[in-house]
Amino acid sequence: MNIPEEGENKLTEAKLQGYAAVLSIGSTRCKANTLGHSIMQNLPAAVQTICETWNSIHTNEFPNIGSWRNAFANDTIPSESYISAIQAAHLGTLSCQSLPLASSLKHILLSLVRLTGDLIVTEELNPSQVVRTLLPLLLESSTESVAEISSTSLERILGPSESDAFLARIYERLVTGCYNIIANHSDPNSGLDESVLEECLQYLEKQLESSQVRKAMEEFFSFSGELVQIMMATANENLSAKFCNRVLKFFTKLFQLTEKSPNPSLLCLCGSLAQLACVEPSRLQSWLTRMTATPPKDSEQLESSARKPTASAAAHHSYCA
């Protein structure tokens, strides 16, 4: 089973990176991730099929971790029998018709995650390093098989999965993933449908009303990302007027919420738009030209401009912020 590699569907490095960016926040096994399903269903059908096939592959061929203590207890050297059974399972999976290495890779990953979880209890591991290692596995679509055990191990460090500390890390990862997709993979060469970008924008817009996610946005855009890059994404002529309108809707909601309730997180987000002054003049001119001078070809998709702030008004508000 392969992704088509001919003509327009040819698999390129840019497409692999684009698909990987979506998969990194596409898991449906994390309750706090309300974005995963919506962006995964907008991937090309061939990619979705491979992901579903990968996640449906089990590791039942391998003996359970720790089974050397019981299943092989009557053998002369239980540990050697256990290792031999694992080796036999690895060799047996090579004859599988679909994704022959999948079971072996998933078993190795499970073993490593299980070992990490055990070491958290018995050894003095660096908590920050463990969180940086396990958190991506909880939100990655291709590692759903270890989502539960990763969550359990993370809870030993961050507290319950419903706690503020745990959720803060989840939201930080989701905000980072959305920004990465919009800012770095909006080009057609990425192989991503525009609907993926819209879903990410819609998620960020909706979460502006959540104090926890706003805090995650504040942290990210203060030290890592540039909120202005989301605004500048509309300068890409390959993106539709519908997408541009979605971007303006996001910033309009940000400004409206800030005027209604100017809390520190919202003020920080608006203030970060001062980075407009650092955008290259040629790029800024292209953005202003597209948004204010030349109506996009599919401008009929836009909602009535009488009920929406104009791009120039949004830009002016950005500078004022």
C-alpha atoms as a PDB file:
ATOM      1  CA  MET A   1       0.000   0.000   0.000  1.00  0.00           C
ATOM      2  CA  ASN A   2       1.600   3.231  -1.142  1.00  0.00           C
ATOM      3  CA  ILE A   3       0.697   6.867  -1.727  1.00  0.00           C
ATOM      4  CA  PRO A   4       0.547   7.556  -5.495  1.00  0.00           C
ATOM      5  CA  GLU A   5       3.858   8.918  -6.742  1.00  0.00           C
ATOM      6  CA  GLU A   6       2.996   9.934 -10.305  1.00  0.00           C
ATOM      7  CA  GLY A   7       1.923  13.257 -11.816  1.00  0.00           C
ATOM      8  CA  GLU A   8       0.329  15.794  -9.476  1.00  0.00           C
ATOM      9  CA  ASN A   9       0.099  13.164  -6.743  1.00  0.00           C
ATOM     10  CA  LYS A  10       3.849  12.546  -6.699  1.00  0.00           C
ATOM     11  CA  LEU A  11       5.129  12.326  -3.148  1.00  0.00           C
ATOM     12  CA  THR A  12       7.627  15.106  -2.417  1.00  0.00           C
ATOM     13  CA  GLU A  13       9.552  16.240   0.638  1.00  0.00           C
ATOM     14  CA  ALA A  14       7.232  19.241   0.962  1.00  0.00           C
ATOM     15  CA  LYS A  15       4.186  16.967   0.989  1.00  0.00           C
ATOM     16  CA  LEU A  16       5.741  14.633   3.536  1.00  0.00           C
ATOM     17  CA  GLN A  17       6.403  17.600   5.816  1.00  0.00           C
ATOM     18  CA  GLY A  18       2.878  18.894   5.311  1.00  0.00           C
ATOM     19  CA  TYR A  19       1.295  15.539   6.113  1.00  0.00           C
ATOM     20  CA  ALA A  20       3.590  15.129   9.123  1.00  0.00           C
ATOM     21  CA  ALA A  21       2.524  18.542  10.445  1.00  0.00           C
ATOM     22  CA  VAL A  22      -1.124  17.438  10.395  1.00  0.00           C
ATOM     23  CA  LEU A  23      -0.407  13.998  11.866  1.00  0.00           C
ATOM     24  CA  SER A  24       1.487  15.607  14.755  1.00  0.00           C
ATOM     25  CA  ILE A  25      -1.794  16.988  16.152  1.00  0.00           C
ATOM     26  CA  GLY A  26      -4.203  14.552  14.520  1.00  0.00           C
ATOM     27  CA  SER A  27      -4.741  11.991  17.271  1.00  0.00           C
ATOM     28  CA  THR A  28      -8.297  11.314  18.372  1.00  0.00           C
ATOM     29  CA  ARG A  29      -7.202   9.461  21.520  1.00  0.00           C
ATOM     30  CA  CYS A  30      -6.616  12.638  23.545  1.00  0.00           C
ATOM     31  CA  LYS A  31      -9.888  14.004  24.934  1.00  0.00           C
ATOM     32  CA  ALA A  32      -8.574  17.561  25.048  1.00  0.00           C
ATOM     33  CA  ASN A  33      -7.751  17.481  21.337  1.00  0.00           C
ATOM     34  CA  THR A  34     -10.977  18.561  19.642  1.00  0.00           C
ATOM     35  CA  LEU A  35      -9.114  19.363  16.422  1.00  0.00           C
ATOM     36  CA  GLY A  36      -7.695  15.961  15.504  1.00  0.00           C
ATOM     37  CA  HIS A  37     -10.638  14.388  13.704  1.00  0.00           C
ATOM     38  CA  SER A  38     -11.532  17.465  11.647  1.00  0.00           C
ATOM     39  CA  ILE A  39      -8.049  17.963  10.197  1.00  0.00           C
ATOM     40  CA  MET A  40      -7.386  14.267   9.606  1.00  0.00           C
ATOM     41  CA  GLN A  41     -10.536  13.867   7.521  1.00  0.00           C
ATOM     42  CA  ASN A  42      -9.301  16.616   5.201  1.00  0.00           C
ATOM     43  CA  LEU A  43      -6.097  14.786   4.280  1.00  0.00           C
ATOM     44  CA  PRO A  44      -5.919  13.040   0.885  1.00  0.00           C
ATOM     45  CA  ALA A  45      -7.848   9.765   0.854  1.00  0.00           C
ATOM     46  CA  ALA A  46      -4.679   7.734   0.267  1.00  0.00           C
ATOM     47  CA  VAL A  47      -3.012   9.249   3.335  1.00  0.00           C
ATOM     48  CA  GLN A  48      -6.087   8.642   5.469  1.00  0.00           C
ATOM     49  CA  THR A  49      -6.211   5.008   4.339  1.00  0.00           C
ATOM     50  CA  ILE A  50      -2.573   4.399   5.249  1.00  0.00           C
ATOM     51  CA  CYS A  51      -3.047   6.030   8.663  1.00  0.00           C
ATOM     52  CA  GLU A  52      -6.113   3.894   9.348  1.00  0.00           C
ATOM     53  CA  THR A  53      -4.271   0.752   8.232  1.00  0.00           C
ATOM     54  CA  TRP A  54      -1.275   1.606  10.411  1.00  0.00           C
ATOM     55  CA  ASN A  55      -3.427   2.238  13.487  1.00  0.00           C
ATOM     56  CA  SER A  56      -5.389  -0.987  12.972  1.00  0.00           C
ATOM     57  CA  ILE A  57      -2.249  -3.153  13.033  1.00  0.00           C
ATOM     58  CA  HIS A  58      -1.819  -4.890  16.397  1.00  0.00           C
ATOM     59  CA  THR A  59       1.159  -6.412  18.167  1.00  0.00           C
ATOM     60  CA  ASN A  60      -0.502  -9.603  19.372  1.00  0.00           C
ATOM     61  CA  GLU A  61       2.295 -11.688  17.850  1.00  0.00           C
ATOM     62  CA  PHE A  62       4.647 -10.467  20.564  1.00  0.00           C
ATOM     63  CA  PRO A  63       4.670 -11.829  24.112  1.00  0.00           C
ATOM     64  CA  ASN A  64       3.394  -9.387  26.704  1.00  0.00           C
ATOM     65  CA  ILE A  65       5.983  -7.291  28.458  1.00  0.00           C
ATOM     66  CA  GLY A  66       6.840  -9.037  31.698  1.00  0.00           C
ATOM     67  CA  SER A  67       5.431 -12.382  30.562  1.00  0.00           C
ATOM     68  CA  TRP A  68       8.835 -14.000  31.117  1.00  0.00           C
ATOM     69  CA  ARG A  69       7.872 -14.100  34.779  1.00  0.00           C
ATOM     70  CA  ASN A  70       4.851 -16.348  34.190  1.00  0.00           C
ATOM     71  CA  ALA A  71       4.417 -17.607  30.621  1.00  0.00           C
ATOM     72  CA  PHE A  72       8.042 -18.745  30.484  1.00  0.00           C
ATOM     73  CA  ALA A  73       8.489 -19.415  34.192  1.00  0.00           C
ATOM     74  CA  ASN A  74       8.929 -23.178  33.713  1.00  0.00           C
ATOM     75  CA  ASP A  75      11.713 -22.790  31.129  1.00  0.00           C
ATOM     76  CA  THR A  76      15.325 -23.317  32.131  1.00  0.00           C
ATOM     77  CA  ILE A  77      16.177 -19.659  31.496  1.00  0.00           C
ATOM     78  CA  PRO A  78      12.864 -17.740  31.253  1.00  0.00           C
ATOM     79  CA  SER A  79      14.466 -14.514  30.028  1.00  0.00           C
ATOM     80  CA  GLU A  80      16.161 -16.279  27.101  1.00  0.00           C
ATOM     81  CA  SER A  81      12.905 -17.952  26.082  1.00  0.00           C
ATOM     82  CA  TYR A  82      11.190 -14.588  26.239  1.00  0.00           C
ATOM     83  CA  ILE A  83      13.829 -12.951  24.028  1.00  0.00           C
ATOM     84  CA  SER A  84      13.633 -15.833  21.542  1.00  0.00           C
ATOM     85  CA  ALA A  85       9.851 -15.412  21.331  1.00  0.00           C
ATOM     86  CA  ILE A  86      10.305 -11.710  20.576  1.00  0.00           C
ATOM     87  CA  GLN A  87      12.863 -12.457  17.868  1.00  0.00           C
ATOM     88  CA  ALA A  88      10.534 -15.017  16.290  1.00  0.00           C
ATOM     89  CA  ALA A  89       7.694 -12.488  16.300  1.00  0.00           C
ATOM     90  CA  HIS A  90       9.864  -9.867  14.598  1.00  0.00           C
ATOM     91  CA  LEU A  91      10.804 -12.343  11.868  1.00  0.00           C
ATOM     92  CA  GLY A  92       7.197 -13.480  11.473  1.00  0.00           C
ATOM     93  CA  THR A  93       5.890  -9.966  10.817  1.00  0.00           C
ATOM     94  CA  LEU A  94       8.157  -9.614   7.766  1.00  0.00           C
ATOM     95  CA  SER A  95       5.766 -11.844   5.818  1.00  0.00           C
ATOM     96  CA  CYS A  96       2.814  -9.485   6.305  1.00  0.00           C
ATOM     97  CA  GLN A  97       1.309  -8.204   3.059  1.00  0.00           C
ATOM     98  CA  SER A  98       0.569  -4.698   4.321  1.00  0.00           C
ATOM     99  CA  LEU A  99       3.173  -2.533   6.089  1.00  0.00           C
ATOM    100  CA  PRO A 100       5.366  -5.516   7.102  1.00  0.00           C
ATOM    101  CA  LEU A 101       7.487  -3.567   9.586  1.00  0.00           C
ATOM    102  CA  ALA A 102       4.549  -1.919  11.336  1.00  0.00           C
ATOM    103  CA  SER A 103       4.091  -4.512  14.110  1.00  0.00           C
ATOM    104  CA  SER A 104       7.809  -4.560  14.902  1.00  0.00           C
ATOM    105  CA  LEU A 105       8.059  -0.774  15.010  1.00  0.00           C
ATOM    106  CA  LYS A 106       4.960  -0.446  17.175  1.00  0.00           C
ATOM    107  CA  HIS A 107       6.237  -3.109  19.580  1.00  0.00           C
ATOM    108  CA  ILE A 108       9.588  -1.340  19.911  1.00  0.00           C
ATOM    109  CA  LEU A 109       7.864   1.986  20.534  1.00  0.00           C
ATOM    110  CA  LEU A 110       5.585   0.420  23.142  1.00  0.00           C
ATOM    111  CA  SER A 111       8.581  -1.138  24.896  1.00  0.00           C
ATOM    112  CA  LEU A 112      10.440   2.169  24.994  1.00  0.00           C
ATOM    113  CA  VAL A 113       7.427   4.100  26.295  1.00  0.00           C
ATOM    114  CA  ARG A 114       6.774   1.408  28.901  1.00  0.00           C
ATOM    115  CA  LEU A 115      10.423   1.553  30.003  1.00  0.00           C
ATOM    116  CA  THR A 116      10.245   5.340  30.284  1.00  0.00           C
ATOM    117  CA  GLY A 117       7.147   5.064  32.439  1.00  0.00           C
ATOM    118  CA  ASP A 118       8.843   2.560  34.743  1.00  0.00           C
ATOM    119  CA  LEU A 119      11.967   4.707  35.034  1.00  0.00           C
ATOM    120  CA  ILE A 120       9.866   7.688  36.126  1.00  0.00           C
ATOM    121  CA  VAL A 121       9.011   5.697  39.250  1.00  0.00           C
ATOM    122  CA  THR A 122      12.383   4.068  39.928  1.00  0.00           C
ATOM    123  CA  GLU A 123      14.901   6.615  38.646  1.00  0.00           C
ATOM    124  CA  GLU A 124      15.445  10.358  38.867  1.00  0.00           C
ATOM    125  CA  LEU A 125      14.666  11.333  35.279  1.00  0.00           C
ATOM    126  CA  ASN A 126      14.575  14.912  34.047  1.00  0.00           C
ATOM    127  CA  PRO A 127      10.826  15.735  34.183  1.00  0.00           C
ATOM    128  CA  SER A 128      11.004  18.363  31.429  1.00  0.00           C
ATOM    129  CA  GLN A 129      12.802  15.974  29.099  1.00  0.00           C
ATOM    130  CA  VAL A 130      10.260  13.211  29.750  1.00  0.00           C
ATOM    131  CA  VAL A 131       7.364  15.591  29.011  1.00  0.00           C
ATOM    132  CA  ARG A 132       9.024  16.791  25.791  1.00  0.00           C
ATOM    133  CA  THR A 133       9.423  13.159  24.740  1.00  0.00           C
ATOM    134  CA  LEU A 134       6.025  11.719  25.658  1.00  0.00           C
ATOM    135  CA  LEU A 135       3.674  14.633  24.973  1.00  0.00           C
ATOM    136  CA  PRO A 136       4.080  14.475  21.162  1.00  0.00           C
ATOM    137  CA  LEU A 137       3.169  10.765  21.285  1.00  0.00           C
ATOM    138  CA  LEU A 138      -0.141  11.648  22.932  1.00  0.00           C
ATOM    139  CA  LEU A 139      -1.206  13.960  20.101  1.00  0.00           C
ATOM    140  CA  GLU A 140       0.452  12.226  17.124  1.00  0.00           C
ATOM    141  CA  SER A 141      -1.994  10.268  14.972  1.00  0.00           C
ATOM    142  CA  SER A 142       0.513   7.530  14.104  1.00  0.00           C
ATOM    143  CA  THR A 143       1.296   6.790  17.769  1.00  0.00           C
ATOM    144  CA  GLU A 144      -2.252   6.286  19.009  1.00  0.00           C
ATOM    145  CA  SER A 145      -1.262   2.769  20.092  1.00  0.00           C
ATOM    146  CA  VAL A 146       0.822   4.245  22.942  1.00  0.00           C
ATOM    147  CA  ALA A 147      -1.439   7.216  23.730  1.00  0.00           C
ATOM    148  CA  GLU A 148      -2.904   5.677  26.876  1.00  0.00           C
ATOM    149  CA  ILE A 149       0.392   4.579  28.409  1.00  0.00           C
ATOM    150  CA  SER A 150       1.980   7.933  27.462  1.00  0.00           C
ATOM    151  CA  SER A 151      -0.852   9.764  29.206  1.00  0.00           C
ATOM    152  CA  THR A 152      -0.453   7.630  32.324  1.00  0.00           C
ATOM    153  CA  SER A 153       3.274   8.389  32.470  1.00  0.00           C
ATOM    154  CA  LEU A 154       2.690  12.114  31.914  1.00  0.00           C
ATOM    155  CA  GLU A 155       0.162  12.161  34.753  1.00  0.00           C
ATOM    156  CA  ARG A 156       2.912  11.030  37.115  1.00  0.00           C
ATOM    157  CA  ILE A 157       4.709  14.286  36.351  1.00  0.00           C
ATOM    158  CA  LEU A 158       1.991  16.798  35.470  1.00  0.00           C
ATOM    159  CA  GLY A 159      -0.899  15.499  37.546  1.00  0.00           C
ATOM    160  CA  PRO A 160      -4.329  14.275  36.339  1.00  0.00           C
ATOM    161  CA  SER A 161      -5.126  14.686  32.647  1.00  0.00           C
ATOM    162  CA  GLU A 162      -7.883  17.178  33.561  1.00  0.00           C
ATOM    163  CA  SER A 163      -5.539  19.356  35.637  1.00  0.00           C
ATOM    164  CA  ASP A 164      -4.488  22.838  34.512  1.00  0.00           C
ATOM    165  CA  ALA A 165      -0.818  21.837  34.307  1.00  0.00           C
ATOM    166  CA  PHE A 166      -1.572  18.866  32.045  1.00  0.00           C
ATOM    167  CA  LEU A 167      -4.002  20.733  29.797  1.00  0.00           C
ATOM    168  CA  ALA A 168      -1.638  23.691  29.488  1.00  0.00           C
ATOM    169  CA  ARG A 169       0.940  21.441  27.813  1.00  0.00           C
ATOM    170  CA  ILE A 170      -1.707  19.953  25.511  1.00  0.00           C
ATOM    171  CA  TYR A 171      -2.983  23.363  24.401  1.00  0.00           C
ATOM    172  CA  GLU A 172       0.541  24.656  23.922  1.00  0.00           C
ATOM    173  CA  ARG A 173       1.246  21.742  21.577  1.00  0.00           C
ATOM    174  CA  LEU A 174      -1.996  22.280  19.650  1.00  0.00           C
ATOM    175  CA  VAL A 175      -1.408  26.016  19.234  1.00  0.00           C
ATOM    176  CA  THR A 176       2.126  25.326  18.041  1.00  0.00           C
ATOM    177  CA  GLY A 177       0.848  22.724  15.572  1.00  0.00           C
ATOM    178  CA  CYS A 178      -1.834  25.013  14.150  1.00  0.00           C
ATOM    179  CA  TYR A 179       0.658  27.835  13.719  1.00  0.00           C
ATOM    180  CA  ASN A 180       3.135  25.524  12.001  1.00  0.00           C
ATOM    181  CA  ILE A 181       0.514  24.379   9.489  1.00  0.00           C
ATOM    182  CA  ILE A 182      -0.743  27.882   8.681  1.00  0.00           C
ATOM    183  CA  ALA A 183       2.619  29.646   8.594  1.00  0.00           C
ATOM    184  CA  ASN A 184       4.783  26.966   7.002  1.00  0.00           C
ATOM    185  CA  HIS A 185       2.530  24.652   4.990  1.00  0.00           C
ATOM    186  CA  SER A 186      -0.002  26.885   3.241  1.00  0.00           C
ATOM    187  CA  ASP A 187       1.775  26.541  -0.106  1.00  0.00           C
ATOM    188  CA  PRO A 188       0.097  24.181  -2.629  1.00  0.00           C
ATOM    189  CA  ASN A 189       3.330  22.176  -2.743  1.00  0.00           C
ATOM    190  CA  SER A 190       2.575  20.986   0.796  1.00  0.00           C
ATOM    191  CA  GLY A 191      -0.209  18.791  -0.535  1.00  0.00           C
ATOM    192  CA  LEU A 192      -2.639  20.061   2.104  1.00  0.00           C
ATOM    193  CA  ASP A 193      -6.152  21.056   1.183  1.00  0.00           C
ATOM    194  CA  GLU A 194      -7.070  24.595   2.176  1.00  0.00           C
ATOM    195  CA  SER A 195      -9.750  23.155   4.451  1.00  0.00           C
ATOM    196  CA  VAL A 196      -6.984  21.956   6.789  1.00  0.00           C
ATOM    197  CA  LEU A 197      -5.784  25.542   7.214  1.00  0.00           C
ATOM    198  CA  GLU A 198      -9.361  26.711   7.775  1.00  0.00           C
ATOM    199  CA  GLU A 199      -9.906  24.097  10.481  1.00  0.00           C
ATOM    200  CA  CYS A 200      -6.763  25.266  12.275  1.00  0.00           C
ATOM    201  CA  LEU A 201      -7.877  28.897  12.078  1.00  0.00           C
ATOM    202  CA  GLN A 202     -11.365  28.019  13.233  1.00  0.00           C
ATOM    203  CA  TYR A 203      -9.915  26.147  16.202  1.00  0.00           C
ATOM    204  CA  LEU A 204      -7.735  29.112  17.214  1.00  0.00           C
ATOM    205  CA  GLU A 205     -10.645  31.512  16.782  1.00  0.00           C
ATOM    206  CA  LYS A 206     -12.974  29.416  18.896  1.00  0.00           C
ATOM    207  CA  GLN A 207     -10.364  28.919  21.611  1.00  0.00           C
ATOM    208  CA  LEU A 208      -9.855  32.670  22.023  1.00  0.00           C
ATOM    209  CA  GLU A 209     -12.725  32.435  24.492  1.00  0.00           C
ATOM    210  CA  SER A 210     -10.879  29.838  26.594  1.00  0.00           C
ATOM    211  CA  SER A 211      -8.640  31.358  29.239  1.00  0.00           C
ATOM    212  CA  GLN A 212      -6.413  28.255  29.252  1.00  0.00           C
ATOM    213  CA  VAL A 213      -5.849  28.287  25.491  1.00  0.00           C
ATOM    214  CA  ARG A 214      -5.404  32.081  25.442  1.00  0.00           C
ATOM    215  CA  LYS A 215      -2.618  31.634  27.980  1.00  0.00           C
ATOM    216  CA  ALA A 216      -1.016  28.996  25.746  1.00  0.00           C
ATOM    217  CA  MET A 217      -1.263  31.394  22.796  1.00  0.00           C
ATOM    218  CA  GLU A 218       0.288  34.168  24.852  1.00  0.00           C
ATOM    219  CA  GLU A 219       3.219  31.961  25.842  1.00  0.00           C
ATOM    220  CA  PHE A 220       3.796  30.711  22.310  1.00  0.00           C
ATOM    221  CA  PHE A 221       3.496  34.017  20.468  1.00  0.00           C
ATOM    222  CA  SER A 222       5.599  35.809  23.078  1.00  0.00           C
ATOM    223  CA  PHE A 223       8.600  33.519  22.766  1.00  0.00           C
ATOM    224  CA  SER A 224       8.317  31.333  19.642  1.00  0.00           C
ATOM    225  CA  GLY A 225       5.747  32.131  16.985  1.00  0.00           C
ATOM    226  CA  GLU A 226       4.766  35.357  15.280  1.00  0.00           C
ATOM    227  CA  LEU A 227       1.038  36.054  15.225  1.00  0.00           C
ATOM    228  CA  VAL A 228       1.580  38.459  12.357  1.00  0.00           C
ATOM    229  CA  GLN A 229       2.618  35.519  10.148  1.00  0.00           C
ATOM    230  CA  ILE A 230      -0.968  34.242  10.316  1.00  0.00           C
ATOM    231  CA  MET A 231      -2.156  37.598   9.042  1.00  0.00           C
ATOM    232  CA  MET A 232       0.493  37.594   6.322  1.00  0.00           C
ATOM    233  CA  ALA A 233      -0.609  34.155   5.128  1.00  0.00           C
ATOM    234  CA  THR A 234      -3.418  35.894   3.272  1.00  0.00           C
ATOM    235  CA  ALA A 235      -0.818  37.397   0.911  1.00  0.00           C
ATOM    236  CA  ASN A 236      -0.556  33.949  -0.675  1.00  0.00           C
ATOM    237  CA  GLU A 237      -2.489  34.290  -3.919  1.00  0.00           C
ATOM    238  CA  ASN A 238      -3.040  30.542  -4.036  1.00  0.00           C
ATOM    239  CA  LEU A 239      -5.393  30.804  -1.059  1.00  0.00           C
ATOM    240  CA  SER A 240      -9.048  31.644  -1.600  1.00  0.00           C
ATOM    241  CA  ALA A 241     -11.061  34.637  -0.498  1.00  0.00           C
ATOM    242  CA  LYS A 242     -12.844  32.318   1.931  1.00  0.00           C
ATOM    243  CA  PHE A 243      -9.562  31.641   3.718  1.00  0.00           C
ATOM    244  CA  CYS A 244      -8.716  35.356   3.791  1.00  0.00           C
ATOM    245  CA  ASN A 245     -12.093  36.053   5.325  1.00  0.00           C
ATOM    246  CA  ARG A 246     -11.448  33.400   7.965  1.00  0.00           C
ATOM    247  CA  VAL A 247      -8.173  35.106   8.881  1.00  0.00           C
ATOM    248  CA  LEU A 248      -9.883  38.491   9.185  1.00  0.00           C
ATOM    249  CA  LYS A 249     -12.622  36.896  11.266  1.00  0.00           C
ATOM    250  CA  PHE A 250     -10.014  35.532  13.665  1.00  0.00           C
ATOM    251  CA  PHE A 251      -8.362  38.916  14.173  1.00  0.00           C
ATOM    252  CA  THR A 252     -11.714  40.710  14.379  1.00  0.00           C
ATOM    253  CA  LYS A 253     -12.751  38.388  17.202  1.00  0.00           C
ATOM    254  CA  LEU A 254      -9.404  38.949  18.917  1.00  0.00           C
ATOM    255  CA  PHE A 255      -9.879  42.736  18.795  1.00  0.00           C
ATOM    256  CA  GLN A 256     -13.507  42.551  19.916  1.00  0.00           C
ATOM    257  CA  LEU A 257     -12.731  40.317  22.882  1.00  0.00           C
ATOM    258  CA  THR A 258      -9.852  42.594  23.881  1.00  0.00           C
ATOM    259  CA  GLU A 259     -12.065  45.690  23.774  1.00  0.00           C
ATOM    260  CA  LYS A 260     -14.751  43.912  25.773  1.00  0.00           C
ATOM    261  CA  SER A 261     -12.417  42.372  28.353  1.00  0.00           C
ATOM    262  CA  PRO A 262      -8.803  43.591  28.083  1.00  0.00           C
ATOM    263  CA  ASN A 263      -7.115  40.822  30.095  1.00  0.00           C
ATOM    264  CA  PRO A 264      -3.310  40.397  29.967  1.00  0.00           C
ATOM    265  CA  SER A 265      -3.334  37.452  27.518  1.00  0.00           C
ATOM    266  CA  LEU A 266      -5.499  39.238  24.946  1.00  0.00           C
ATOM    267  CA  LEU A 267      -3.532  42.466  25.297  1.00  0.00           C
ATOM    268  CA  CYS A 268      -0.298  40.554  24.774  1.00  0.00           C
ATOM    269  CA  LEU A 269      -1.649  38.897  21.625  1.00  0.00           C
ATOM    270  CA  CYS A 270      -2.766  42.235  20.187  1.00  0.00           C
ATOM    271  CA  GLY A 271       0.514  43.841  21.156  1.00  0.00           C
ATOM    272  CA  SER A 272       2.469  41.160  19.311  1.00  0.00           C
ATOM    273  CA  LEU A 273       1.018  42.513  16.056  1.00  0.00           C
ATOM    274  CA  ALA A 274       3.424  45.403  16.377  1.00  0.00           C
ATOM    275  CA  GLN A 275       5.706  43.008  14.488  1.00  0.00           C
ATOM    276  CA  LEU A 276       3.944  44.264  11.353  1.00  0.00           C
ATOM    277  CA  ALA A 277       6.556  46.999  11.411  1.00  0.00           C
ATOM    278  CA  CYS A 278       9.222  44.327  10.853  1.00  0.00           C
ATOM    279  CA  VAL A 279       7.583  42.724   7.816  1.00  0.00           C
ATOM    280  CA  GLU A 280       9.471  43.242   4.566  1.00  0.00           C
ATOM    281  CA  PRO A 281       7.950  46.228   2.714  1.00  0.00           C
ATOM    282  CA  SER A 282       7.463  44.221  -0.486  1.00  0.00           C
ATOM    283  CA  ARG A 283       5.584  41.481   1.344  1.00  0.00           C
ATOM    284  CA  LEU A 284       3.485  43.979   3.270  1.00  0.00           C
ATOM    285  CA  GLN A 285       2.623  45.770   0.036  1.00  0.00           C
ATOM    286  CA  SER A 286       1.571  42.508  -1.591  1.00  0.00           C
ATOM    287  CA  TRP A 287      -0.660  41.749   1.383  1.00  0.00           C
ATOM    288  CA  LEU A 288      -2.289  45.181   1.405  1.00  0.00           C
ATOM    289  CA  THR A 289      -2.749  45.084  -2.355  1.00  0.00           C
ATOM    290  CA  ARG A 290      -4.518  41.755  -2.271  1.00  0.00           C
ATOM    291  CA  MET A 291      -6.649  42.541   0.742  1.00  0.00           C
ATOM    292  CA  THR A 292      -7.722  46.097  -0.097  1.00  0.00           C
ATOM    293  CA  ALA A 293      -7.112  46.942  -3.753  1.00  0.00           C
ATOM    294  CA  THR A 294      -7.793  43.888  -5.907  1.00  0.00           C
ATOM    295  CA  PRO A 295     -10.853  41.793  -4.985  1.00  0.00           C
ATOM    296  CA  PRO A 296     -10.041  38.053  -5.077  1.00  0.00           C
ATOM    297  CA  LYS A 297     -11.559  36.099  -7.967  1.00  0.00           C
ATOM    298  CA  ASP A 298     -13.789  34.155  -5.627  1.00  0.00           C
ATOM    299  CA  SER A 299     -14.816  37.172  -3.604  1.00  0.00           C
ATOM    300  CA  GLU A 300     -18.461  36.139  -3.889  1.00  0.00           C
ATOM    301  CA  GLN A 301     -17.676  33.601  -1.182  1.00  0.00           C
ATOM    302  CA  LEU A 302     -17.086  36.379   1.293  1.00  0.00           C
ATOM    303  CA  GLU A 303     -19.807  37.307   3.694  1.00  0.00           C
ATOM    304  CA  SER A 304     -21.431  40.682   3.386  1.00  0.00           C
ATOM    305  CA  SER A 305     -18.751  43.297   3.888  1.00  0.00           C
ATOM    306  CA  ALA A 306     -21.308  45.500   5.558  1.00  0.00           C
ATOM    307  CA  ARG A 307     -21.218  43.200   8.566  1.00  0.00           C
ATOM    308  CA  LYS A 308     -17.462  42.548   8.540  1.00  0.00           C
ATOM    309  CA  PRO A 309     -14.524  44.891   9.336  1.00  0.00           C
ATOM    310  CA  THR A 310     -12.367  45.579   6.294  1.00  0.00           C
ATOM    311  CA  ALA A 311      -8.780  44.371   5.991  1.00  0.00           C
ATOM    312  CA  SER A 312      -7.540  47.965   6.196  1.00  0.00           C
ATOM    313  CA  ALA A 313      -9.444  48.434   9.459  1.00  0.00           C
ATOM    314  CA  ALA A 314      -7.896  45.235  10.828  1.00  0.00           C
ATOM    315  CA  ALA A 315      -4.443  46.383   9.803  1.00  0.00           C
ATOM    316  CA  HIS A 316      -5.003  49.776  11.411  1.00  0.00           C
ATOM    317  CA  HIS A 317      -6.163  48.113  14.610  1.00  0.00           C
ATOM    318  CA  SER A 318      -3.071  45.892  14.524  1.00  0.00           C
ATOM    319  CA  TYR A 319      -0.754  48.882  14.377  1.00  0.00           C
ATOM    320  CA  CYS A 320      -2.657  50.634  17.147  1.00  0.00           C
ATOM    321  CA  ALA A 321      -2.399  47.567  19.337  1.00  0.00           C
END
